[in-house]
N, C-alpha and C. Protein backbone atom coordinates (compact mmCIF):
# COMPACT_ATOMS: atom_id res chain seq x y z
N MET A 1 19.68 8.59 11.15
CA MET A 1 18.93 9.40 11.33
C MET A 1 19.08 10.68 10.41
N SER A 2 17.55 11.07 10.29
CA SER A 2 16.82 11.95 9.31
C SER A 2 17.17 12.96 9.94
N LYS A 3 18.23 14.44 9.15
CA LYS A 3 18.45 15.68 9.91
C LYS A 3 16.77 16.34 9.86
N TYR A 4 15.97 15.91 9.63
CA TYR A 4 14.14 16.30 9.89
C TYR A 4 13.86 15.35 11.07
N GLU A 5 14.80 14.69 11.76
CA GLU A 5 14.16 13.31 13.03
C GLU A 5 13.86 15.11 14.19
N PRO A 6 14.51 15.93 14.72
CA PRO A 6 13.95 16.49 15.93
C PRO A 6 12.80 17.00 15.47
N LEU A 7 12.26 18.05 14.52
CA LEU A 7 10.91 18.25 13.86
C LEU A 7 9.77 16.94 14.21
N LEU A 8 10.00 15.77 13.65
CA LEU A 8 9.00 14.66 13.61
C LEU A 8 8.92 14.71 15.27
N LYS A 9 9.78 14.39 16.12
CA LYS A 9 10.17 14.34 17.61
C LYS A 9 9.41 15.08 18.21
N TYR A 10 9.36 16.93 17.57
CA TYR A 10 8.83 17.75 18.48
C TYR A 10 7.08 17.90 18.09
N LEU A 11 7.05 17.32 16.97
CA LEU A 11 5.40 17.32 16.45
C LEU A 11 4.72 16.26 17.69
N LYS A 12 5.36 14.94 17.75
CA LYS A 12 5.16 13.73 18.32
C LYS A 12 4.80 14.19 19.78
N GLU A 13 5.67 15.01 20.50
CA GLU A 13 6.26 15.48 21.77
C GLU A 13 4.30 16.30 22.28
N ASN A 14 4.38 17.16 21.12
CA ASN A 14 3.41 18.08 21.38
C ASN A 14 1.88 17.47 21.44
N ASN A 15 1.92 16.62 20.51
CA ASN A 15 0.66 16.00 20.35
C ASN A 15 -0.69 16.42 20.09
N LYS A 16 -0.41 17.55 18.85
CA LYS A 16 -1.81 18.68 18.86
C LYS A 16 -2.45 17.60 17.42
N ASP A 17 -3.90 18.40 17.43
CA ASP A 17 -4.24 17.91 16.14
C ASP A 17 -3.74 19.02 14.56
N SER A 18 -3.33 20.04 15.10
CA SER A 18 -2.63 20.87 14.12
C SER A 18 -1.54 21.72 14.55
N TYR A 19 -1.01 22.12 13.63
CA TYR A 19 0.41 22.80 13.98
C TYR A 19 0.35 24.29 13.23
N LYS A 20 0.97 25.43 13.38
CA LYS A 20 1.11 26.83 12.69
C LYS A 20 2.47 27.26 13.47
N LEU A 21 3.74 26.99 12.40
CA LEU A 21 4.62 27.24 13.13
C LEU A 21 5.56 27.95 12.35
N SER A 22 6.23 29.23 12.48
CA SER A 22 7.12 29.60 11.13
C SER A 22 8.01 29.51 11.17
N TYR A 23 8.34 29.81 9.91
CA TYR A 23 10.03 29.38 9.42
C TYR A 23 11.15 29.76 10.63
N GLU A 24 11.17 30.78 11.17
CA GLU A 24 11.84 30.90 12.34
C GLU A 24 11.75 29.70 13.52
N GLU A 25 10.75 29.56 13.88
CA GLU A 25 10.00 28.00 14.76
C GLU A 25 11.01 26.73 14.07
N ILE A 26 10.77 26.47 13.22
CA ILE A 26 11.32 24.98 12.21
C ILE A 26 12.60 25.35 12.37
N LYS A 27 13.72 26.46 12.16
CA LYS A 27 14.63 26.31 12.34
C LYS A 27 15.22 26.05 13.06
N ASN A 28 14.71 26.78 14.67
CA ASN A 28 15.37 26.05 15.49
C ASN A 28 14.98 25.28 16.53
N ILE A 29 13.86 24.50 15.73
CA ILE A 29 13.66 23.21 16.20
C ILE A 29 15.10 22.41 15.31
N LEU A 30 14.96 22.83 14.27
CA LEU A 30 16.02 21.86 13.61
C LEU A 30 17.38 21.91 13.84
N GLY A 31 17.82 23.06 14.04
CA GLY A 31 19.15 23.79 14.56
C GLY A 31 19.66 23.91 13.03
N PHE A 32 19.04 24.13 11.83
CA PHE A 32 19.53 24.76 10.65
C PHE A 32 18.48 25.59 9.97
N ASN A 33 19.30 25.82 8.88
CA ASN A 33 18.24 26.89 7.99
C ASN A 33 17.21 26.04 6.72
N ILE A 34 16.02 25.75 6.79
CA ILE A 34 15.53 25.00 5.87
C ILE A 34 15.20 25.41 4.78
N ASN A 35 15.61 25.15 3.48
CA ASN A 35 15.75 25.35 1.95
C ASN A 35 14.28 25.69 1.37
N HIS A 36 13.90 26.98 1.23
CA HIS A 36 12.78 27.70 0.48
C HIS A 36 12.38 26.97 -0.72
N SER A 37 13.25 26.45 -1.12
CA SER A 37 12.53 26.20 -2.41
C SER A 37 11.97 25.28 -2.80
N PHE A 38 11.58 24.68 -1.73
CA PHE A 38 10.82 23.91 -2.16
C PHE A 38 8.71 24.77 -2.39
N LEU A 39 8.95 25.64 -1.80
CA LEU A 39 7.85 26.47 -2.01
C LEU A 39 7.52 26.91 -3.89
N THR A 40 8.68 26.13 -4.52
CA THR A 40 9.00 27.35 -5.86
C THR A 40 9.18 25.90 -6.55
N TYR A 41 8.93 24.80 -5.91
CA TYR A 41 9.80 23.67 -7.36
C TYR A 41 8.23 23.27 -7.61
N LYS A 42 8.33 22.88 -8.98
CA LYS A 42 7.53 22.60 -9.76
C LYS A 42 7.63 21.33 -10.62
N LYS A 43 6.93 20.03 -10.47
CA LYS A 43 7.35 19.30 -11.54
C LYS A 43 6.92 19.12 -12.61
């Protein structure tokens, strides 16, 4: 099971065309702080 499974489940259960979630809301859904390094990661 992926650590992001709770977020995928949330998205499937709410069945919307689009979502606007804050980092705080995502953290609450997942149950842990997300790493913001992906915002500045450059390949």
